[in-house]
Protein backbone atom coordinates (compact mmCIF):
# COMPACT_ATOMS: atom_id res chain seq x y z
CA MET A 1 -0.18 -0.21 0.07
CA ALA A 2 1.89 3.13 -1.00
CA ARG A 3 1.41 5.94 1.67
CA VAL A 4 3.39 8.53 -0.72
CA SER A 5 2.47 9.37 -4.45
CA VAL A 6 5.86 10.93 -5.35
CA ILE A 7 5.41 13.08 -8.56
CA VAL A 8 8.00 13.79 -10.70
CA PRO A 9 7.81 16.24 -13.88
CA SER A 10 10.64 14.92 -16.30
CA TYR A 11 11.54 17.10 -19.65
CA ASN A 12 14.77 16.74 -21.11
CA HIS A 13 17.13 15.77 -18.20
CA ALA A 14 18.24 12.52 -20.00
CA PRO A 15 21.73 12.78 -18.39
CA PHE A 16 20.25 13.12 -15.02
CA LEU A 17 16.88 10.88 -14.88
CA ARG A 18 18.42 7.83 -13.95
CA GLU A 19 20.01 9.16 -10.64
CA CYS A 20 17.25 11.05 -10.25
CA ILE A 21 14.76 7.69 -10.53
CA ASP A 22 17.44 5.48 -8.99
CA SER A 23 17.31 7.77 -5.70
CA MET A 24 13.73 7.52 -5.16
CA LEU A 25 13.50 3.67 -6.34
CA ASP A 26 16.30 3.19 -3.36
CA GLN A 27 13.74 4.84 -0.53
CA GLN A 28 13.61 2.28 2.36
CA GLY A 29 11.22 2.35 5.16
CA VAL A 30 7.99 3.43 3.69
CA GLY A 31 5.44 2.22 0.70
CA PHE A 32 5.37 4.82 -2.56
CA GLU A 33 4.32 5.19 -5.93
CA LEU A 34 6.48 6.82 -8.34
CA ILE A 35 4.32 9.04 -11.27
CA VAL A 36 6.47 10.29 -13.46
CA VAL A 37 5.14 13.07 -16.15
CA ASP A 38 6.80 13.59 -19.47
CA ASP A 39 6.45 17.11 -20.98
CA GLY A 40 7.37 15.92 -24.54
CA SER A 41 11.03 14.87 -24.05
CA THR A 42 12.99 14.82 -27.13
CA ASP A 43 16.25 13.63 -25.93
CA GLY A 44 15.85 9.96 -25.39
CA SER A 45 13.97 10.54 -21.77
CA LEU A 46 10.96 8.66 -22.82
CA GLU A 47 13.58 5.69 -23.42
CA ILE A 48 14.73 5.50 -20.53
CA LEU A 49 11.60 5.90 -18.28
CA ARG A 50 9.97 2.95 -20.21
CA GLY A 51 12.95 1.01 -19.38
CA TYR A 52 11.55 1.19 -15.68
CA GLY A 53 8.52 -0.81 -16.71
CA ASP A 54 6.23 -0.81 -13.81
CA ARG A 55 8.14 0.79 -11.39
CA LEU A 56 7.13 3.58 -12.13
CA LEU A 57 3.93 5.29 -13.68
CA LEU A 58 4.33 7.00 -17.17
CA LEU A 59 2.15 9.88 -18.32
CA GLN A 60 2.64 11.96 -21.10
CA GLN A 61 1.46 15.90 -22.04
CA GLN A 62 2.87 18.06 -24.02
CA GLY A 63 4.17 21.48 -23.54
CA GLY A 64 2.02 21.71 -20.09
CA ARG A 65 5.13 22.49 -17.30
CA GLN A 66 5.57 21.66 -13.88
CA ALA A 67 2.08 23.10 -12.47
CA ARG A 68 -0.13 20.99 -15.36
CA ALA A 69 2.08 18.03 -14.56
CA ARG A 70 1.98 17.96 -11.01
CA ASN A 71 -1.70 18.34 -11.47
CA LEU A 72 -2.04 15.35 -13.79
CA ALA A 73 -0.48 13.36 -11.55
CA LEU A 74 -2.38 14.25 -8.55
CA THR A 75 -5.38 12.91 -10.69
CA VAL A 76 -4.20 9.27 -10.31
CA ALA A 77 -2.19 9.55 -6.92
CA ARG A 78 -3.36 7.28 -4.36
CA GLY A 79 -0.99 7.98 -1.51
CA GLU A 80 -1.96 9.88 1.82
CA PHE A 81 1.10 12.03 1.38
CA ILE A 82 2.18 14.02 -1.92
CA ALA A 83 5.78 14.33 -2.31
CA PHE A 84 7.65 15.66 -5.25
CA LEU A 85 10.90 15.70 -7.18
CA ASP A 86 12.57 17.20 -10.17
CA SER A 87 14.05 14.78 -13.09
CA ASP A 88 17.46 16.79 -12.81
CA ASP A 89 17.70 16.12 -8.78
CA ARG A 90 17.75 12.98 -6.35
CA TYR A 91 16.65 11.97 -3.32
CA LEU A 92 19.10 11.67 0.20
CA PRO A 93 18.32 8.22 1.93
CA GLY A 94 15.57 8.51 4.43
CA ARG A 95 14.01 11.20 2.61
CA LEU A 96 10.92 9.66 2.45
CA ALA A 97 10.72 7.84 5.64
CA SER A 98 11.89 10.90 7.62
CA ALA A 99 8.70 12.67 6.48
CA VAL A 100 6.21 9.99 6.91
CA ALA A 101 7.99 9.27 10.58
CA ALA A 102 6.98 13.15 11.35
CA PHE A 103 3.29 12.97 10.06
CA ASP A 104 3.05 10.13 12.05
CA ALA A 105 4.58 11.78 15.19
CA ASP A 106 2.36 14.34 15.04
CA PRO A 107 -0.86 14.29 12.96
CA SER A 108 -1.54 17.91 13.37
CA VAL A 109 1.33 18.52 11.15
CA ASP A 110 -0.04 19.27 7.24
CA VAL A 111 3.10 19.88 5.52
CA VAL A 112 6.67 18.68 6.43
CA TRP A 113 9.91 20.03 4.33
CA ALA A 114 13.60 20.00 5.36
CA ASP A 115 17.43 21.21 4.21
CA TYR A 116 19.06 19.92 0.99
CA ARG A 117 22.42 20.94 -0.44
CA THR A 118 23.46 22.39 -4.30
CA ILE A 119 25.19 19.45 -6.45
CA ASP A 120 26.75 20.54 -9.62
CA GLY A 121 25.96 19.13 -13.38
CA ALA A 122 28.32 16.21 -12.07
CA GLY A 123 26.63 15.15 -9.11
CA GLN A 124 29.89 16.97 -6.73
CA ALA A 125 29.00 18.46 -3.64
CA LEU A 126 28.66 22.37 -3.80
CA SER A 127 27.00 23.82 -0.62
CA GLU A 128 24.66 22.75 2.15
CA TRP A 129 21.26 25.01 2.53
CA HIS A 130 20.19 25.27 6.16
CA TRP A 131 16.66 27.32 6.97
CA SER A 132 17.31 29.89 10.15
CA PRO A 133 14.10 30.62 11.32
CA ALA A 134 13.46 34.38 11.24
CA GLY A 135 11.40 34.51 14.18
CA GLY A 136 7.33 35.75 13.61
CA ASP A 137 5.04 34.29 11.98
CA PHE A 138 5.98 32.13 8.89
CA ARG A 139 3.39 32.80 6.40
CA ARG A 140 4.89 35.89 6.35
CA GLU A 141 8.45 34.29 5.70
CA LEU A 142 6.80 32.41 2.81
CA ILE A 143 4.91 35.32 0.73
CA ALA A 144 8.15 37.35 1.28
CA GLY A 145 10.80 34.90 -0.16
CA ASN A 146 9.26 31.24 -0.07
CA PRO A 147 12.35 29.21 1.70
CA ILE A 148 11.18 25.99 0.94
CA CYS A 149 12.47 23.81 -1.64
CA ASN A 150 10.03 22.42 -3.19
CA ALA A 151 11.42 18.65 -3.71
CA THR A 152 12.00 18.90 0.49
CA VAL A 153 8.09 18.57 0.62
CA THR A 154 5.42 16.30 1.80
CA VAL A 155 2.03 17.06 1.98
CA ARG A 156 -1.27 15.63 2.94
CA ARG A 157 -3.26 14.63 -0.14
CA ARG A 158 -6.50 16.26 0.51
CA VAL A 159 -4.89 19.41 1.22
CA LEU A 160 -3.75 19.95 -2.02
CA HIS A 161 -6.83 19.02 -3.44
CA GLU A 162 -8.71 21.79 -0.74
CA ILE A 163 -6.29 24.30 -2.13
CA GLY A 164 -7.35 23.22 -6.35
CA GLY A 165 -3.91 21.54 -6.86
CA PHE A 166 -1.01 23.46 -8.38
CA ASP A 167 -1.96 27.17 -10.35
CA GLU A 168 -1.18 26.84 -14.04
CA ARG A 169 -0.50 30.45 -14.61
CA VAL A 170 2.52 30.43 -12.84
CA PRO A 171 4.57 27.33 -13.58
CA ARG A 172 7.83 28.27 -12.54
CA VAL A 173 6.56 29.30 -8.95
CA CYS A 174 3.64 27.13 -8.91
CA ASP A 175 5.25 25.41 -5.82
CA GLY A 176 5.70 28.60 -3.72
CA ALA A 177 2.04 29.88 -4.64
CA ALA A 178 0.92 26.38 -2.77
CA TRP A 179 2.63 26.47 0.37
CA CYS A 180 1.20 30.25 0.30
CA GLN A 181 -2.55 29.34 -0.19
CA ILE A 182 -2.28 26.30 2.41
CA ALA A 183 -1.04 28.59 4.66
CA ALA A 184 -3.49 31.16 4.26
CA ARG A 185 -5.84 28.25 5.04
CA GLY A 186 -4.21 27.54 8.65
CA TYR A 187 -2.46 24.33 8.00
CA ARG A 188 0.62 23.91 10.05
CA PHE A 189 4.42 22.90 8.17
CA LEU A 190 7.16 21.68 10.34
CA HIS A 191 10.55 21.76 9.10
CA LEU A 192 13.01 18.95 9.77
CA ASP A 193 16.37 20.01 9.96
CA ARG A 194 17.86 17.18 8.03
CA LEU A 195 19.37 17.14 4.30
CA VAL A 196 16.96 15.39 2.49
CA LEU A 197 18.07 16.31 -1.20
CA ASP A 198 20.96 17.45 -3.65
CA TYR A 199 19.21 19.94 -5.59
CA ARG A 200 21.49 20.17 -9.10
CA GLN A 201 22.79 23.53 -10.32
CA HIS A 202 23.39 23.42 -14.45
CA GLY A 203 22.50 26.08 -15.74
CA ALA A 204 19.28 25.56 -17.21
CA ASN A 205 17.39 25.41 -14.02
CA ASP A 206 13.59 27.29 -14.50
CA SER A 207 15.06 29.87 -11.65
CA ALA A 208 17.69 31.06 -14.12
CA ARG A 209 14.99 32.24 -16.51
CA PHE A 210 14.75 36.00 -15.02
CA ALA A 211 11.79 38.04 -17.13
CA ALA A 212 9.58 34.46 -16.73
CA MET A 213 10.43 34.21 -13.54
CA THR A 214 9.31 37.60 -11.75
CA ARG A 215 6.09 37.51 -14.17
CA ASP A 216 5.34 34.47 -12.50
CA ARG A 217 6.08 35.82 -8.94
CA ASP A 218 4.22 39.23 -9.57
CA THR A 219 1.47 36.89 -10.09
CA MET A 220 1.88 34.70 -7.28
CA LEU A 221 2.31 37.30 -5.06
CA CYS A 222 -0.82 39.06 -5.64
CA ALA A 223 -3.12 35.74 -5.47
CA ALA A 224 -1.22 35.14 -1.77
CA ALA A 225 -2.08 38.05 -0.77
CA GLU A 226 -5.60 37.59 -1.51
CA ALA A 227 -5.93 34.92 0.19
CA TYR A 228 -3.98 35.73 3.11
CA VAL A 229 -6.50 38.91 3.43
CA ARG A 230 -9.55 36.09 2.71
CA PHE A 231 -8.36 33.90 5.19
CA GLY A 232 -7.92 36.37 8.07
CA VAL A 233 -3.50 36.30 7.72
CA ILE A 234 -3.93 40.25 6.60
CA THR A 235 -6.23 41.97 9.10
CA THR A 236 -4.75 45.40 10.82
CA PRO A 237 -2.94 48.48 9.34
CA ALA A 238 0.32 47.26 10.46
CA ASP A 239 -0.07 44.09 8.42
CA LEU A 240 -1.01 46.22 5.49
CA ALA A 241 1.76 48.11 5.50
CA TRP A 242 4.33 44.84 5.63
CA LEU A 243 2.35 43.87 2.59
CA GLY A 244 3.31 47.01 0.81
CA ARG A 245 6.87 46.49 1.83
CA ALA A 246 6.42 43.01 0.61
CA PHE A 247 5.32 44.21 -2.76
CA LYS A 248 8.22 46.81 -3.19
CA ARG A 249 10.64 44.49 -1.98
CA GLN A 250 9.22 42.02 -5.29
CA PHE A 251 9.65 45.50 -7.89
CA ALA A 252 13.41 46.55 -6.19
CA PHE A 253 14.65 42.71 -7.01
CA ARG A 254 12.87 42.68 -10.34
CA ALA A 255 14.97 46.37 -11.21
CA ALA A 256 17.69 45.42 -9.85
CA ALA A 257 18.42 42.20 -11.85
CA TRP A 258 17.30 43.62 -14.65
CA VAL A 259 19.56 46.02 -15.00
CA GLN A 260 22.35 44.23 -14.03
CA ARG A 261 21.34 41.77 -17.13
CA GLU A 262 21.49 44.81 -19.28
CA ARG A 263 24.67 45.68 -18.00
CA SER A 264 26.15 43.08 -18.70
CA ARG A 265 25.06 42.91 -22.38
CA GLY A 266 25.94 46.23 -23.59
CA ALA A 267 27.27 49.85 -23.18
CA TRP A 268 25.35 51.87 -20.60
CA SER A 269 23.73 54.21 -23.11
CA GLU A 270 22.56 50.70 -24.79
CA MET A 271 20.94 49.72 -21.40
CA ARG A 272 19.77 53.20 -20.52
CA ALA A 273 17.30 53.42 -23.85
CA ALA A 274 16.40 49.73 -23.03
CA PHE A 275 15.71 50.44 -19.26
CA CYS A 276 13.11 53.10 -20.73
CA GLU A 277 11.83 51.04 -23.14
CA ALA A 278 11.09 48.63 -20.79
CA LEU A 279 9.39 50.72 -18.05
CA GLY A 280 6.51 51.72 -20.28
CA SER A 281 6.17 47.82 -21.55
CA ASP A 282 2.98 46.07 -20.91
CA LEU A 283 5.09 43.42 -18.58
CA ALA A 284 6.07 46.05 -16.13
CA LEU A 285 3.30 48.34 -16.28
CA ALA A 286 1.12 45.53 -16.06
CA GLY A 287 2.33 44.04 -12.99
CA TRP A 288 2.68 47.33 -11.20
CA ALA A 289 -0.92 47.93 -12.17
CA ARG A 290 -2.17 44.90 -10.34
CA LEU A 291 -0.33 45.66 -7.36
CA GLN A 292 -1.42 49.03 -7.14
CA GLN A 293 -4.98 47.70 -7.81
CA LEU A 294 -4.61 44.77 -4.59
CA LYS A 295 -2.86 47.41 -2.27
CA HIS A 296 -5.77 49.69 -2.84
CA ALA A 297 -8.71 46.98 -2.01
CA LEU A 298 -6.46 45.89 0.89
CA SER A 299 -6.57 49.56 2.59
CA GLY A 300 -10.24 49.33 2.10
CA ARG A 301 -10.61 46.30 4.06
CA GLY A 302 -8.29 47.81 6.71
CA ARG A 303 -10.46 51.29 7.13
CA ALA A 304 -13.99 48.96 7.14
């Protein structure tokens, strides 16, 4: 009986795929099922996956990206818990068992997450990441920056169904968007001070795509803020002021990273011209307008 359903979106990661799948299949101490969703790979990934036979359930889609892949897998998942793994990463021994043990020890827990280490394309360790609590309400830390690496997460399946699965509008930050929606509803998160994952940095990660990442994060931030208001996380003028600062940090990040990228591409005069053009672009103005509308709506609620 599978207690955990592990969902792996896969797209053109053939050089890393066997390591990924083997690290999952080598997990001990808990029953699990492995669901892999291939998103139209063209590099031989499908042949590798088919070679595992019935040791995994292989689903296919075309161009749906990670959010849709995870939602597709959720429609067939049978486990009490859902865990995640990306096709270029790998689990460390005991990753699933430690999460399930935490749920069994405290039935009030809804989401378990943990620490990870980074590795390079060849699988050599680079660094370790250990979470240091900032203090205060963890929900604020989630919306401000999301410290959670999605492949360290194990969550109750019913909780994911309650929020409607993953937001397909924000495929590159759909994990952080989901954690904010879960937190807004008052579900309990538990952090394990344990390395459970090797997160691979190889230069082609989604997180390196600046423009798309920031656009997705704009949408995620608005949706998360709306949920925080709806479910009573944001209630006072002080809360609204804090949320405004979170909006400003997002746009400061966008501006700083954009300027750094454009400066590296050419002369300052070219960068200035491109920057002025970008300020008038639909992307920048639409994002700013969305956040301003939400800010006014929240301010109205704060006065009410």
